[in-house]
């Protein structure tokens, strides 16, 4: 049986008895490649900002996402989101579940103890 490789350009001749094992291997390779590319994009587009001023400057320069310490990823965080929007023109776009944050950080919007990293960006 013929299979296309993970880069889309090579055709592999695989005995039928080995197809399932080979496809699982190719899927793992594809998953690894996609995760590597996504991580590289994340590292290029996201800057950790420890103050509102730093986030404002990053977003004003068209820098992608500002990762800022934030006090809550619940409805309670809406007030902080409004403060961020008013000062930066950006909005909290999301949080990474389980992402660790240092316990001594404070929210850039409210000054309250930070519990999560918020990802802030402008929409265009």
PDB file of N, CA and C in Angstrom:
ATOM      1  N   UNK A   1       0.850  -1.163   0.000  1.00  0.00           N
ATOM      2  CA  UNK A   1       0.000   0.000   0.000  1.00  0.00           C
ATOM      3  C   UNK A   1       0.903   1.235   0.000  1.00  0.00           C
ATOM      4  N   UNK A   2       0.466   2.282  -0.668  1.00  0.00           N
ATOM      5  CA  UNK A   2       1.236   3.529  -0.720  1.00  0.00           C
ATOM      6  C   UNK A   2       0.642   4.547   0.242  1.00  0.00           C
ATOM      7  N   UNK A   3       1.518   5.233   0.980  1.00  0.00           N
ATOM      8  CA  UNK A   3       1.115   6.276   1.915  1.00  0.00           C
ATOM      9  C   UNK A   3       1.913   7.531   1.631  1.00  0.00           C
ATOM     10  N   UNK A   4       1.285   8.674   1.830  1.00  0.00           N
ATOM     11  CA  UNK A   4       1.992   9.935   1.696  1.00  0.00           C
ATOM     12  C   UNK A   4       2.729  10.199   3.008  1.00  0.00           C
ATOM     13  N   UNK A   5       3.930  10.723   2.936  1.00  0.00           N
ATOM     14  CA  UNK A   5       4.719  11.022   4.122  1.00  0.00           C
ATOM     15  C   UNK A   5       4.194  12.238   4.850  1.00  0.00           C
ATOM     16  N   UNK A   6       4.780  12.527   5.975  1.00  0.00           N
ATOM     17  CA  UNK A   6       4.295  13.624   6.815  1.00  0.00           C
ATOM     18  C   UNK A   6       4.544  14.993   6.198  1.00  0.00           C
ATOM     19  N   UNK A   7       5.468  15.114   5.287  1.00  0.00           N
ATOM     20  CA  UNK A   7       5.736  16.382   4.623  1.00  0.00           C
ATOM     21  C   UNK A   7       4.917  16.530   3.349  1.00  0.00           C
ATOM     22  N   UNK A   8       4.128  15.523   3.013  1.00  0.00           N
ATOM     23  CA  UNK A   8       3.251  15.591   1.859  1.00  0.00           C
ATOM     24  C   UNK A   8       3.928  15.348   0.526  1.00  0.00           C
ATOM     25  N   UNK A   9       5.225  15.101   0.521  1.00  0.00           N
ATOM     26  CA  UNK A   9       5.924  14.996  -0.747  1.00  0.00           C
ATOM     27  C   UNK A   9       6.470  13.605  -1.039  1.00  0.00           C
ATOM     28  N   UNK A  10       6.503  12.742  -0.069  1.00  0.00           N
ATOM     29  CA  UNK A  10       7.066  11.427  -0.330  1.00  0.00           C
ATOM     30  C   UNK A  10       5.986  10.361  -0.203  1.00  0.00           C
ATOM     31  N   UNK A  11       6.074   9.409  -1.072  1.00  0.00           N
ATOM     32  CA  UNK A  11       5.143   8.287  -1.047  1.00  0.00           C
ATOM     33  C   UNK A  11       5.894   7.079  -0.506  1.00  0.00           C
ATOM     34  N   UNK A  12       5.302   6.456   0.476  1.00  0.00           N
ATOM     35  CA  UNK A  12       5.933   5.310   1.105  1.00  0.00           C
ATOM     36  C   UNK A  12       5.205   4.038   0.696  1.00  0.00           C
ATOM     37  N   UNK A  13       5.944   3.046   0.286  1.00  0.00           N
ATOM     38  CA  UNK A  13       5.350   1.743   0.017  1.00  0.00           C
ATOM     39  C   UNK A  13       5.436   0.923   1.293  1.00  0.00           C
ATOM     40  N   UNK A  14       4.270   0.571   1.817  1.00  0.00           N
ATOM     41  CA  UNK A  14       4.199  -0.135   3.093  1.00  0.00           C
ATOM     42  C   UNK A  14       3.391  -1.408   2.894  1.00  0.00           C
ATOM     43  N   UNK A  15       3.912  -2.531   3.361  1.00  0.00           N
ATOM     44  CA  UNK A  15       3.120  -3.760   3.289  1.00  0.00           C
ATOM     45  C   UNK A  15       1.810  -3.594   4.069  1.00  0.00           C
ATOM     46  N   UNK A  16       0.735  -4.156   3.569  1.00  0.00           N
ATOM     47  CA  UNK A  16      -0.583  -4.013   4.189  1.00  0.00           C
ATOM     48  C   UNK A  16      -0.549  -4.406   5.665  1.00  0.00           C
ATOM     49  N   UNK A  17       0.216  -5.430   6.004  1.00  0.00           N
ATOM     50  CA  UNK A  17       0.278  -5.891   7.391  1.00  0.00           C
ATOM     51  C   UNK A  17       0.874  -4.823   8.319  1.00  0.00           C
ATOM     52  N   UNK A  18       1.639  -3.874   7.786  1.00  0.00           N
ATOM     53  CA  UNK A  18       2.304  -2.858   8.594  1.00  0.00           C
ATOM     54  C   UNK A  18       1.626  -1.486   8.544  1.00  0.00           C
ATOM     55  N   UNK A  19       0.504  -1.372   7.825  1.00  0.00           N
ATOM     56  CA  UNK A  19      -0.125  -0.076   7.601  1.00  0.00           C
ATOM     57  C   UNK A  19      -0.534   0.597   8.907  1.00  0.00           C
ATOM     58  N   UNK A  20      -1.193  -0.115   9.795  1.00  0.00           N
ATOM     59  CA  UNK A  20      -1.687   0.492  11.033  1.00  0.00           C
ATOM     60  C   UNK A  20      -0.526   1.027  11.868  1.00  0.00           C
ATOM     61  N   UNK A  21       0.512   0.232  12.033  1.00  0.00           N
ATOM     62  CA  UNK A  21       1.666   0.659  12.821  1.00  0.00           C
ATOM     63  C   UNK A  21       2.331   1.861  12.166  1.00  0.00           C
ATOM     64  N   UNK A  22       2.469   1.812  10.848  1.00  0.00           N
ATOM     65  CA  UNK A  22       3.131   2.917  10.126  1.00  0.00           C
ATOM     66  C   UNK A  22       2.310   4.201  10.208  1.00  0.00           C
ATOM     67  N   UNK A  23       0.984   4.099  10.079  1.00  0.00           N
ATOM     68  CA  UNK A  23       0.125   5.287  10.163  1.00  0.00           C
ATOM     69  C   UNK A  23       0.184   5.886  11.563  1.00  0.00           C
ATOM     70  N   UNK A  24       0.183   5.053  12.593  1.00  0.00           N
ATOM     71  CA  UNK A  24       0.302   5.577  13.958  1.00  0.00           C
ATOM     72  C   UNK A  24       1.614   6.336  14.122  1.00  0.00           C
ATOM     73  N   UNK A  25       2.679   5.810  13.569  1.00  0.00           N
ATOM     74  CA  UNK A  25       3.966   6.491  13.626  1.00  0.00           C
ATOM     75  C   UNK A  25       3.936   7.817  12.887  1.00  0.00           C
ATOM     76  N   UNK A  26       3.299   7.827  11.705  1.00  0.00           N
ATOM     77  CA  UNK A  26       3.186   9.066  10.932  1.00  0.00           C
ATOM     78  C   UNK A  26       2.338  10.102  11.674  1.00  0.00           C
ATOM     79  N   UNK A  27       1.257   9.663  12.318  1.00  0.00           N
ATOM     80  CA  UNK A  27       0.417  10.584  13.078  1.00  0.00           C
ATOM     81  C   UNK A  27       1.185  11.191  14.254  1.00  0.00           C
ATOM     82  N   UNK A  28       1.999  10.395  14.906  1.00  0.00           N
ATOM     83  CA  UNK A  28       2.828  10.910  15.993  1.00  0.00           C
ATOM     84  C   UNK A  28       3.808  11.941  15.457  1.00  0.00           C
ATOM     85  N   UNK A  29       4.407  11.666  14.315  1.00  0.00           N
ATOM     86  CA  UNK A  29       5.346  12.599  13.706  1.00  0.00           C
ATOM     87  C   UNK A  29       4.653  13.908  13.315  1.00  0.00           C
ATOM     88  N   UNK A  30       3.456  13.803  12.739  1.00  0.00           N
ATOM     89  CA  UNK A  30       2.683  14.997  12.359  1.00  0.00           C
ATOM     90  C   UNK A  30       2.349  15.815  13.599  1.00  0.00           C
ATOM     91  N   UNK A  31       1.890  15.143  14.663  1.00  0.00           N
ATOM     92  CA  UNK A  31       1.548  15.828  15.904  1.00  0.00           C
ATOM     93  C   UNK A  31       2.767  16.555  16.470  1.00  0.00           C
ATOM     94  N   UNK A  32       3.907  15.911  16.485  1.00  0.00           N
ATOM     95  CA  UNK A  32       5.141  16.529  16.982  1.00  0.00           C
ATOM     96  C   UNK A  32       5.511  17.752  16.152  1.00  0.00           C
ATOM     97  N   UNK A  33       5.433  17.629  14.831  1.00  0.00           N
ATOM     98  CA  UNK A  33       5.757  18.751  13.941  1.00  0.00           C
ATOM     99  C   UNK A  33       4.819  19.934  14.162  1.00  0.00           C
ATOM    100  N   UNK A  34       3.527  19.667  14.285  1.00  0.00           N
ATOM    101  CA  UNK A  34       2.559  20.746  14.505  1.00  0.00           C
ATOM    102  C   UNK A  34       2.778  21.433  15.849  1.00  0.00           C
ATOM    103  N   UNK A  35       3.041  20.647  16.880  1.00  0.00           N
ATOM    104  CA  UNK A  35       3.284  21.235  18.201  1.00  0.00           C
ATOM    105  C   UNK A  35       4.554  22.082  18.204  1.00  0.00           C
ATOM    106  N   UNK A  36       5.580  21.635  17.505  1.00  0.00           N
ATOM    107  CA  UNK A  36       6.836  22.393  17.417  1.00  0.00           C
ATOM    108  C   UNK A  36       6.610  23.721  16.703  1.00  0.00           C
ATOM    109  N   UNK A  37       5.868  23.688  15.604  1.00  0.00           N
ATOM    110  CA  UNK A  37       5.564  24.923  14.870  1.00  0.00           C
ATOM    111  C   UNK A  37       4.714  25.870  15.716  1.00  0.00           C
ATOM    112  N   UNK A  38       3.719  25.329  16.407  1.00  0.00           N
ATOM    113  CA  UNK A  38       2.852  26.155  17.252  1.00  0.00           C
ATOM    114  C   UNK A  38       3.648  26.793  18.389  1.00  0.00           C
ATOM    115  N   UNK A  39       4.562  26.051  18.991  1.00  0.00           N
ATOM    116  CA  UNK A  39       5.380  26.598  20.067  1.00  0.00           C
ATOM    117  C   UNK A  39       6.270  27.721  19.549  1.00  0.00           C
ATOM    118  N   UNK A  40       6.813  27.556  18.351  1.00  0.00           N
ATOM    119  CA  UNK A  40       7.663  28.605  17.764  1.00  0.00           C
ATOM    120  C   UNK A  40       6.854  29.881  17.512  1.00  0.00           C
ATOM    121  N   UNK A  41       5.631  29.736  17.015  1.00  0.00           N
ATOM    122  CA  UNK A  41       4.756  30.895  16.789  1.00  0.00           C
ATOM    123  C   UNK A  41       4.433  31.555  18.128  1.00  0.00           C
ATOM    124  N   UNK A  42       4.115  30.744  19.121  1.00  0.00           N
ATOM    125  CA  UNK A  42       3.812  31.262  20.462  1.00  0.00           C
ATOM    126  C   UNK A  42       4.985  32.088  20.991  1.00  0.00           C
ATOM    127  N   UNK A  43       6.188  31.564  20.867  1.00  0.00           N
ATOM    128  CA  UNK A  43       7.370  32.272  21.376  1.00  0.00           C
ATOM    129  C   UNK A  43       7.623  33.574  20.619  1.00  0.00           C
ATOM    130  N   UNK A  44       7.291  33.624  19.334  1.00  0.00           N
ATOM    131  CA  UNK A  44       7.477  34.845  18.544  1.00  0.00           C
ATOM    132  C   UNK A  44       6.413  35.889  18.837  1.00  0.00           C
ATOM    133  N   UNK A  45       5.194  35.458  19.102  1.00  0.00           N
ATOM    134  CA  UNK A  45       4.054  36.372  19.204  1.00  0.00           C
ATOM    135  C   UNK A  45       3.685  36.801  20.624  1.00  0.00           C
ATOM    136  N   UNK A  46       4.222  36.126  21.632  1.00  0.00           N
ATOM    137  CA  UNK A  46       3.830  36.406  23.008  1.00  0.00           C
ATOM    138  C   UNK A  46       5.015  36.971  23.783  1.00  0.00           C
ATOM    139  N   UNK A  47       4.774  38.091  24.477  1.00  0.00           N
ATOM    140  CA  UNK A  47       5.804  38.686  25.333  1.00  0.00           C
ATOM    141  C   UNK A  47       5.244  38.783  26.739  1.00  0.00           C
ATOM    142  N   UNK A  48       6.000  38.308  27.700  1.00  0.00           N
ATOM    143  CA  UNK A  48       5.597  38.444  29.091  1.00  0.00           C
ATOM    144  C   UNK A  48       5.847  39.874  29.533  1.00  0.00           C
ATOM    145  N   UNK A  49       4.797  40.525  30.008  1.00  0.00           N
ATOM    146  CA  UNK A  49       4.863  41.916  30.460  1.00  0.00           C
ATOM    147  C   UNK A  49       4.486  41.950  31.936  1.00  0.00           C
ATOM    148  N   UNK A  50       5.323  42.575  32.752  1.00  0.00           N
ATOM    149  CA  UNK A  50       5.098  42.582  34.187  1.00  0.00           C
ATOM    150  C   UNK A  50       4.416  43.856  34.681  1.00  0.00           C
ATOM    151  N   UNK A  51       4.124  44.781  33.769  1.00  0.00           N
ATOM    152  CA  UNK A  51       3.424  46.012  34.163  1.00  0.00           C
ATOM    153  C   UNK A  51       2.448  46.404  33.057  1.00  0.00           C
ATOM    154  N   UNK A  52       1.513  47.265  33.429  1.00  0.00           N
ATOM    155  CA  UNK A  52       0.556  47.775  32.453  1.00  0.00           C
ATOM    156  C   UNK A  52       1.287  48.583  31.388  1.00  0.00           C
ATOM    157  N   UNK A  53       2.288  49.375  31.802  1.00  0.00           N
ATOM    158  CA  UNK A  53       3.037  50.202  30.850  1.00  0.00           C
ATOM    159  C   UNK A  53       3.761  49.333  29.817  1.00  0.00           C
ATOM    160  N   UNK A  54       4.348  48.244  30.277  1.00  0.00           N
ATOM    161  CA  UNK A  54       5.042  47.340  29.360  1.00  0.00           C
ATOM    162  C   UNK A  54       4.060  46.703  28.379  1.00  0.00           C
ATOM    163  N   UNK A  55       2.891  46.307  28.868  1.00  0.00           N
ATOM    164  CA  UNK A  55       1.858  45.729  27.997  1.00  0.00           C
ATOM    165  C   UNK A  55       1.362  46.768  26.997  1.00  0.00           C
ATOM    166  N   UNK A  56       1.165  48.007  27.461  1.00  0.00           N
ATOM    167  CA  UNK A  56       0.713  49.077  26.569  1.00  0.00           C
ATOM    168  C   UNK A  56       1.715  49.292  25.442  1.00  0.00           C
ATOM    169  N   UNK A  57       2.994  49.347  25.777  1.00  0.00           N
ATOM    170  CA  UNK A  57       4.032  49.571  24.757  1.00  0.00           C
ATOM    171  C   UNK A  57       4.099  48.409  23.781  1.00  0.00           C
ATOM    172  N   UNK A  58       4.012  47.197  24.285  1.00  0.00           N
ATOM    173  CA  UNK A  58       4.078  46.013  23.416  1.00  0.00           C
ATOM    174  C   UNK A  58       2.902  45.977  22.444  1.00  0.00           C
ATOM    175  N   UNK A  59       1.707  46.227  22.957  1.00  0.00           N
ATOM    176  CA  UNK A  59       0.520  46.186  22.094  1.00  0.00           C
ATOM    177  C   UNK A  59       0.505  47.364  21.115  1.00  0.00           C
ATOM    178  N   UNK A  60       0.974  48.522  21.551  1.00  0.00           N
ATOM    179  CA  UNK A  60       1.018  49.691  20.663  1.00  0.00           C
ATOM    180  C   UNK A  60       1.961  49.460  19.494  1.00  0.00           C
ATOM    181  N   UNK A  61       2.986  48.660  19.722  1.00  0.00           N
ATOM    182  CA  UNK A  61       3.959  48.361  18.660  1.00  0.00           C
ATOM    183  C   UNK A  61       3.477  47.242  17.742  1.00  0.00           C
ATOM    184  N   UNK A  62       2.245  46.772  17.946  1.00  0.00           N
ATOM    185  CA  UNK A  62       1.712  45.690  17.110  1.00  0.00           C
ATOM    186  C   UNK A  62       2.376  44.370  17.409  1.00  0.00           C
ATOM    187  N   UNK A  63       2.727  44.175  18.680  1.00  0.00           N
ATOM    188  CA  UNK A  63       3.537  43.026  19.065  1.00  0.00           C
ATOM    189  C   UNK A  63       2.841  41.697  19.247  1.00  0.00           C
ATOM    190  N   UNK A  64       1.590  41.566  18.948  1.00  0.00           N
ATOM    191  CA  UNK A  64       0.933  40.271  19.140  1.00  0.00           C
ATOM    192  C   UNK A  64       0.237  40.218  20.483  1.00  0.00           C
ATOM    193  N   UNK A  65       0.652  39.278  21.345  1.00  0.00           N
ATOM    194  CA  UNK A  65       0.028  39.077  22.640  1.00  0.00           C
ATOM    195  C   UNK A  65       0.940  39.550  23.760  1.00  0.00           C
ATOM    196  N   UNK A  66       0.337  40.164  24.772  1.00  0.00           N
ATOM    197  CA  UNK A  66       1.033  40.485  26.011  1.00  0.00           C
ATOM    198  C   UNK A  66       0.545  39.487  27.058  1.00  0.00           C
ATOM    199  N   UNK A  67       1.462  38.771  27.659  1.00  0.00           N
ATOM    200  CA  UNK A  67       1.140  37.817  28.728  1.00  0.00           C
ATOM    201  C   UNK A  67       1.356  38.555  30.039  1.00  0.00           C
ATOM    202  N   UNK A  68       0.262  38.767  30.786  1.00  0.00           N
ATOM    203  CA  UNK A  68       0.335  39.583  31.996  1.00  0.00           C
ATOM    204  C   UNK A  68      -0.217  38.826  33.201  1.00  0.00           C
ATOM    205  N   UNK A  69       0.346  39.113  34.403  1.00  0.00           N
ATOM    206  CA  UNK A  69      -0.243  38.535  35.612  1.00  0.00           C
ATOM    207  C   UNK A  69      -1.626  39.145  35.833  1.00  0.00           C
ATOM    208  N   UNK A  70      -2.581  38.278  36.145  1.00  0.00           N
ATOM    209  CA  UNK A  70      -3.975  38.712  36.243  1.00  0.00           C
ATOM    210  C   UNK A  70      -4.598  38.035  37.454  1.00  0.00           C
ATOM    211  N   UNK A  71      -5.610  38.659  38.051  1.00  0.00           N
ATOM    212  CA  UNK A  71      -6.119  38.169  39.329  1.00  0.00           C
ATOM    213  C   UNK A  71      -7.167  37.073  39.228  1.00  0.00           C
ATOM    214  N   UNK A  72      -7.882  36.936  38.118  1.00  0.00           N
ATOM    215  CA  UNK A  72      -8.942  35.924  38.084  1.00  0.00           C
ATOM    216  C   UNK A  72      -9.340  35.560  36.660  1.00  0.00           C
ATOM    217  N   UNK A  73      -9.548  34.271  36.433  1.00  0.00           N
ATOM    218  CA  UNK A  73     -10.048  33.828  35.135  1.00  0.00           C
ATOM    219  C   UNK A  73     -11.547  33.508  35.210  1.00  0.00           C
ATOM    220  N   UNK A  74     -12.217  34.033  36.230  1.00  0.00           N
ATOM    221  CA  UNK A  74     -13.661  33.850  36.383  1.00  0.00           C
ATOM    222  C   UNK A  74     -14.373  35.151  36.002  1.00  0.00           C
ATOM    223  N   UNK A  75     -15.668  35.197  36.211  1.00  0.00           N
ATOM    224  CA  UNK A  75     -16.440  36.424  35.932  1.00  0.00           C
ATOM    225  C   UNK A  75     -15.923  37.614  36.724  1.00  0.00           C
ATOM    226  N   UNK A  76     -15.352  37.323  37.872  1.00  0.00           N
ATOM    227  CA  UNK A  76     -14.789  38.365  38.719  1.00  0.00           C
ATOM    228  C   UNK A  76     -13.710  39.162  37.965  1.00  0.00           C
ATOM    229  N   UNK A  77     -13.086  38.556  36.985  1.00  0.00           N
ATOM    230  CA  UNK A  77     -12.029  39.199  36.218  1.00  0.00           C
ATOM    231  C   UNK A  77     -12.506  40.223  35.208  1.00  0.00           C
ATOM    232  N   UNK A  78     -13.803  40.343  35.010  1.00  0.00           N
ATOM    233  CA  UNK A  78     -14.331  41.286  34.014  1.00  0.00           C
ATOM    234  C   UNK A  78     -13.931  42.733  34.307  1.00  0.00           C
ATOM    235  N   UNK A  79     -13.885  43.100  35.581  1.00  0.00           N
ATOM    236  CA  UNK A  79     -13.470  44.466  35.928  1.00  0.00           C
ATOM    237  C   UNK A  79     -12.027  44.718  35.510  1.00  0.00           C
ATOM    238  N   UNK A  80     -11.169  43.741  35.752  1.00  0.00           N
ATOM    239  CA  UNK A  80      -9.776  43.863  35.340  1.00  0.00           C
ATOM    240  C   UNK A  80      -9.640  43.906  33.827  1.00  0.00           C
ATOM    241  N   UNK A  81     -10.460  43.127  33.141  1.00  0.00           N
ATOM    242  CA  UNK A  81     -10.452  43.130  31.668  1.00  0.00           C
ATOM    243  C   UNK A  81     -10.819  44.518  31.141  1.00  0.00           C
ATOM    244  N   UNK A  82     -11.796  45.149  31.771  1.00  0.00           N
ATOM    245  CA  UNK A  82     -12.197  46.506  31.352  1.00  0.00           C
ATOM    246  C   UNK A  82     -11.056  47.503  31.571  1.00  0.00           C
ATOM    247  N   UNK A  83     -10.364  47.389  32.693  1.00  0.00           N
ATOM    248  CA  UNK A  83      -9.226  48.274  32.964  1.00  0.00           C
ATOM    249  C   UNK A  83      -8.152  48.080  31.893  1.00  0.00           C
ATOM    250  N   UNK A  84      -7.853  46.832  31.581  1.00  0.00           N
ATOM    251  CA  UNK A  84      -6.851  46.542  30.544  1.00  0.00           C
ATOM    252  C   UNK A  84      -7.285  47.119  29.208  1.00  0.00           C
ATOM    253  N   UNK A  85      -8.556  46.946  28.861  1.00  0.00           N
ATOM    254  CA  UNK A  85      -9.062  47.473  27.597  1.00  0.00           C
ATOM    255  C   UNK A  85      -8.952  48.997  27.548  1.00  0.00           C
ATOM    256  N   UNK A  86      -9.349  49.649  28.624  1.00  0.00           N
ATOM    257  CA  UNK A  86      -9.306  51.118  28.661  1.00  0.00           C
ATOM    258  C   UNK A  86      -7.883  51.655  28.521  1.00  0.00           C
ATOM    259  N   UNK A  87      -6.910  50.952  29.097  1.00  0.00           N
ATOM    260  CA  UNK A  87      -5.524  51.448  29.076  1.00  0.00           C
ATOM    261  C   UNK A  87      -4.730  51.009  27.850  1.00  0.00           C
ATOM    262  N   UNK A  88      -5.028  49.833  27.306  1.00  0.00           N
ATOM    263  CA  UNK A  88      -4.204  49.300  26.209  1.00  0.00           C
ATOM    264  C   UNK A  88      -4.923  49.234  24.869  1.00  0.00           C
ATOM    265  N   UNK A  89      -6.246  49.251  24.896  1.00  0.00           N
ATOM    266  CA  UNK A  89      -7.005  49.022  23.674  1.00  0.00           C
ATOM    267  C   UNK A  89      -7.134  47.545  23.356  1.00  0.00           C
ATOM    268  N   UNK A  90      -6.513  46.717  24.167  1.00  0.00           N
ATOM    269  CA  UNK A  90      -6.586  45.263  23.988  1.00  0.00           C
ATOM    270  C   UNK A  90      -7.578  44.648  24.951  1.00  0.00           C
ATOM    271  N   UNK A  91      -7.791  43.377  24.790  1.00  0.00           N
ATOM    272  CA  UNK A  91      -8.705  42.636  25.655  1.00  0.00           C
ATOM    273  C   UNK A  91      -8.051  41.333  26.064  1.00  0.00           C
ATOM    274  N   UNK A  92      -8.475  40.823  27.225  1.00  0.00           N
ATOM    275  CA  UNK A  92      -8.011  39.508  27.636  1.00  0.00           C
ATOM    276  C   UNK A  92      -8.611  38.501  26.665  1.00  0.00           C
ATOM    277  N   UNK A  93      -7.754  37.775  25.971  1.00  0.00           N
ATOM    278  CA  UNK A  93      -8.190  36.810  24.965  1.00  0.00           C
ATOM    279  C   UNK A  93      -8.259  35.396  25.491  1.00  0.00           C
ATOM    280  N   UNK A  94      -7.603  35.155  26.633  1.00  0.00           N
ATOM    281  CA  UNK A  94      -7.682  33.816  27.185  1.00  0.00           C
ATOM    282  C   UNK A  94      -6.613  33.542  28.223  1.00  0.00           C
ATOM    283  N   UNK A  95      -6.642  32.306  28.701  1.00  0.00           N
ATOM    284  CA  UNK A  95      -5.743  31.821  29.732  1.00  0.00           C
ATOM    285  C   UNK A  95      -5.315  30.415  29.331  1.00  0.00           C
ATOM    286  N   UNK A  96      -4.141  29.988  29.779  1.00  0.00           N
ATOM    287  CA  UNK A  96      -3.701  28.618  29.533  1.00  0.00           C
ATOM    288  C   UNK A  96      -3.991  27.832  30.807  1.00  0.00           C
ATOM    289  N   UNK A  97      -4.937  26.887  30.747  1.00  0.00           N
ATOM    290  CA  UNK A  97      -5.277  26.116  31.942  1.00  0.00           C
ATOM    291  C   UNK A  97      -4.039  25.412  32.514  1.00  0.00           C
ATOM    292  N   UNK A  98      -3.879  25.538  33.816  1.00  0.00           N
ATOM    293  CA  UNK A  98      -2.778  24.856  34.488  1.00  0.00           C
ATOM    294  C   UNK A  98      -1.430  25.555  34.383  1.00  0.00           C
ATOM    295  N   UNK A  99      -1.364  26.686  33.696  1.00  0.00           N
ATOM    296  CA  UNK A  99      -0.089  27.404  33.574  1.00  0.00           C
ATOM    297  C   UNK A  99       0.296  27.981  34.941  1.00  0.00           C
ATOM    298  N   UNK A 100       1.478  27.651  35.398  1.00  0.00           N
ATOM    299  CA  UNK A 100       1.928  28.084  36.723  1.00  0.00           C
ATOM    300  C   UNK A 100       2.261  29.576  36.733  1.00  0.00           C
ATOM    301  N   UNK A 101       1.960  30.195  37.865  1.00  0.00           N
ATOM    302  CA  UNK A 101       2.293  31.609  38.047  1.00  0.00           C
ATOM    303  C   UNK A 101       2.893  31.777  39.439  1.00  0.00           C
ATOM    304  N   UNK A 102       3.895  32.611  39.548  1.00  0.00           N
ATOM    305  CA  UNK A 102       4.573  32.868  40.817  1.00  0.00           C
ATOM    306  C   UNK A 102       3.579  33.495  41.800  1.00  0.00           C
ATOM    307  N   UNK A 103       3.556  32.991  43.004  1.00  0.00           N
ATOM    308  CA  UNK A 103       2.581  33.422  44.007  1.00  0.00           C
ATOM    309  C   UNK A 103       2.761  34.867  44.456  1.00  0.00           C
ATOM    310  N   UNK A 104       3.928  35.464  44.228  1.00  0.00           N
ATOM    311  CA  UNK A 104       4.133  36.832  44.715  1.00  0.00           C
ATOM    312  C   UNK A 104       3.859  37.898  43.657  1.00  0.00           C
ATOM    313  N   UNK A 105       3.309  37.517  42.505  1.00  0.00           N
ATOM    314  CA  UNK A 105       2.994  38.490  41.462  1.00  0.00           C
ATOM    315  C   UNK A 105       1.652  39.154  41.732  1.00  0.00           C
ATOM    316  N   UNK A 106       1.512  40.392  41.248  1.00  0.00           N
ATOM    317  CA  UNK A 106       0.243  41.096  41.392  1.00  0.00           C
ATOM    318  C   UNK A 106      -0.340  41.391  40.017  1.00  0.00           C
ATOM    319  N   UNK A 107      -1.635  41.489  39.964  1.00  0.00           N
ATOM    320  CA  UNK A 107      -2.364  41.764  38.727  1.00  0.00           C
ATOM    321  C   UNK A 107      -1.979  43.146  38.203  1.00  0.00           C
ATOM    322  N   UNK A 108      -1.689  43.223  36.903  1.00  0.00           N
ATOM    323  CA  UNK A 108      -1.309  44.510  36.302  1.00  0.00           C
ATOM    324  C   UNK A 108      -2.476  45.488  36.269  1.00  0.00           C
ATOM    325  N   UNK A 109      -3.691  44.987  36.323  1.00  0.00           N
ATOM    326  CA  UNK A 109      -4.865  45.855  36.234  1.00  0.00           C
ATOM    327  C   UNK A 109      -5.357  46.334  37.594  1.00  0.00           C
ATOM    328  N   UNK A 110      -5.352  45.459  38.589  1.00  0.00           N
ATOM    329  CA  UNK A 110      -5.997  45.777  39.865  1.00  0.00           C
ATOM    330  C   UNK A 110      -5.041  45.848  41.051  1.00  0.00           C
ATOM    331  N   UNK A 111      -3.849  45.301  40.907  1.00  0.00           N
ATOM    332  CA  UNK A 111      -2.916  45.249  42.030  1.00  0.00           C
ATOM    333  C   UNK A 111      -3.216  44.123  43.008  1.00  0.00           C
ATOM    334  N   UNK A 112      -4.249  43.344  42.744  1.00  0.00           N
ATOM    335  CA  UNK A 112      -4.586  42.207  43.600  1.00  0.00           C
ATOM    336  C   UNK A 112      -3.615  41.067  43.316  1.00  0.00           C
ATOM    337  N   UNK A 113      -3.529  40.088  44.217  1.00  0.00           N
ATOM    338  CA  UNK A 113      -2.648  38.945  43.958  1.00  0.00           C
ATOM    339  C   UNK A 113      -3.038  38.240  42.652  1.00  0.00           C
ATOM    340  N   UNK A 114      -2.054  37.982  41.811  1.00  0.00           N
ATOM    341  CA  UNK A 114      -2.317  37.327  40.525  1.00  0.00           C
ATOM    342  C   UNK A 114      -2.451  35.822  40.736  1.00  0.00           C
ATOM    343  N   UNK A 115      -3.410  35.232  40.037  1.00  0.00           N
ATOM    344  CA  UNK A 115      -3.617  33.784  40.126  1.00  0.00           C
ATOM    345  C   UNK A 115      -3.429  33.104  38.776  1.00  0.00           C
ATOM    346  N   UNK A 116      -3.416  33.884  37.686  1.00  0.00           N
ATOM    347  CA  UNK A 116      -3.301  33.327  36.337  1.00  0.00           C
ATOM    348  C   UNK A 116      -2.510  34.281  35.445  1.00  0.00           C
ATOM    349  N   UNK A 117      -2.022  33.751  34.341  1.00  0.00           N
ATOM    350  CA  UNK A 117      -1.463  34.579  33.278  1.00  0.00           C
ATOM    351  C   UNK A 117      -2.587  34.836  32.284  1.00  0.00           C
ATOM    352  N   UNK A 118      -2.829  36.107  31.968  1.00  0.00           N
ATOM    353  CA  UNK A 118      -3.835  36.469  30.974  1.00  0.00           C
ATOM    354  C   UNK A 118      -3.103  36.835  29.674  1.00  0.00           C
ATOM    355  N   UNK A 119      -3.670  36.436  28.563  1.00  0.00           N
ATOM    356  CA  UNK A 119      -3.122  36.756  27.256  1.00  0.00           C
ATOM    357  C   UNK A 119      -3.964  37.873  26.659  1.00  0.00           C
ATOM    358  N   UNK A 120      -3.328  39.033  26.456  1.00  0.00           N
ATOM    359  CA  UNK A 120      -4.016  40.240  26.024  1.00  0.00           C
ATOM    360  C   UNK A 120      -3.594  40.582  24.605  1.00  0.00           C
ATOM    361  N   UNK A 121      -4.569  40.929  23.771  1.00  0.00           N
ATOM    362  CA  UNK A 121      -4.274  41.344  22.394  1.00  0.00           C
ATOM    363  C   UNK A 121      -5.343  42.291  21.924  1.00  0.00           C
ATOM    364  N   UNK A 122      -5.009  43.031  20.900  1.00  0.00           N
ATOM    365  CA  UNK A 122      -5.991  43.891  20.225  1.00  0.00           C
ATOM    366  C   UNK A 122      -6.660  43.076  19.129  1.00  0.00           C
ATOM    367  N   UNK A 123      -7.895  43.443  18.829  1.00  0.00           N
ATOM    368  CA  UNK A 123      -8.562  42.823  17.679  1.00  0.00           C
ATOM    369  C   UNK A 123      -8.595  43.840  16.544  1.00  0.00           C
ATOM    370  N   UNK A 124      -8.468  43.313  15.355  1.00  0.00           N
ATOM    371  CA  UNK A 124      -8.431  44.192  14.190  1.00  0.00           C
ATOM    372  C   UNK A 124      -9.508  43.829  13.221  1.00  0.00           C
TER     373      UNK A 124
END
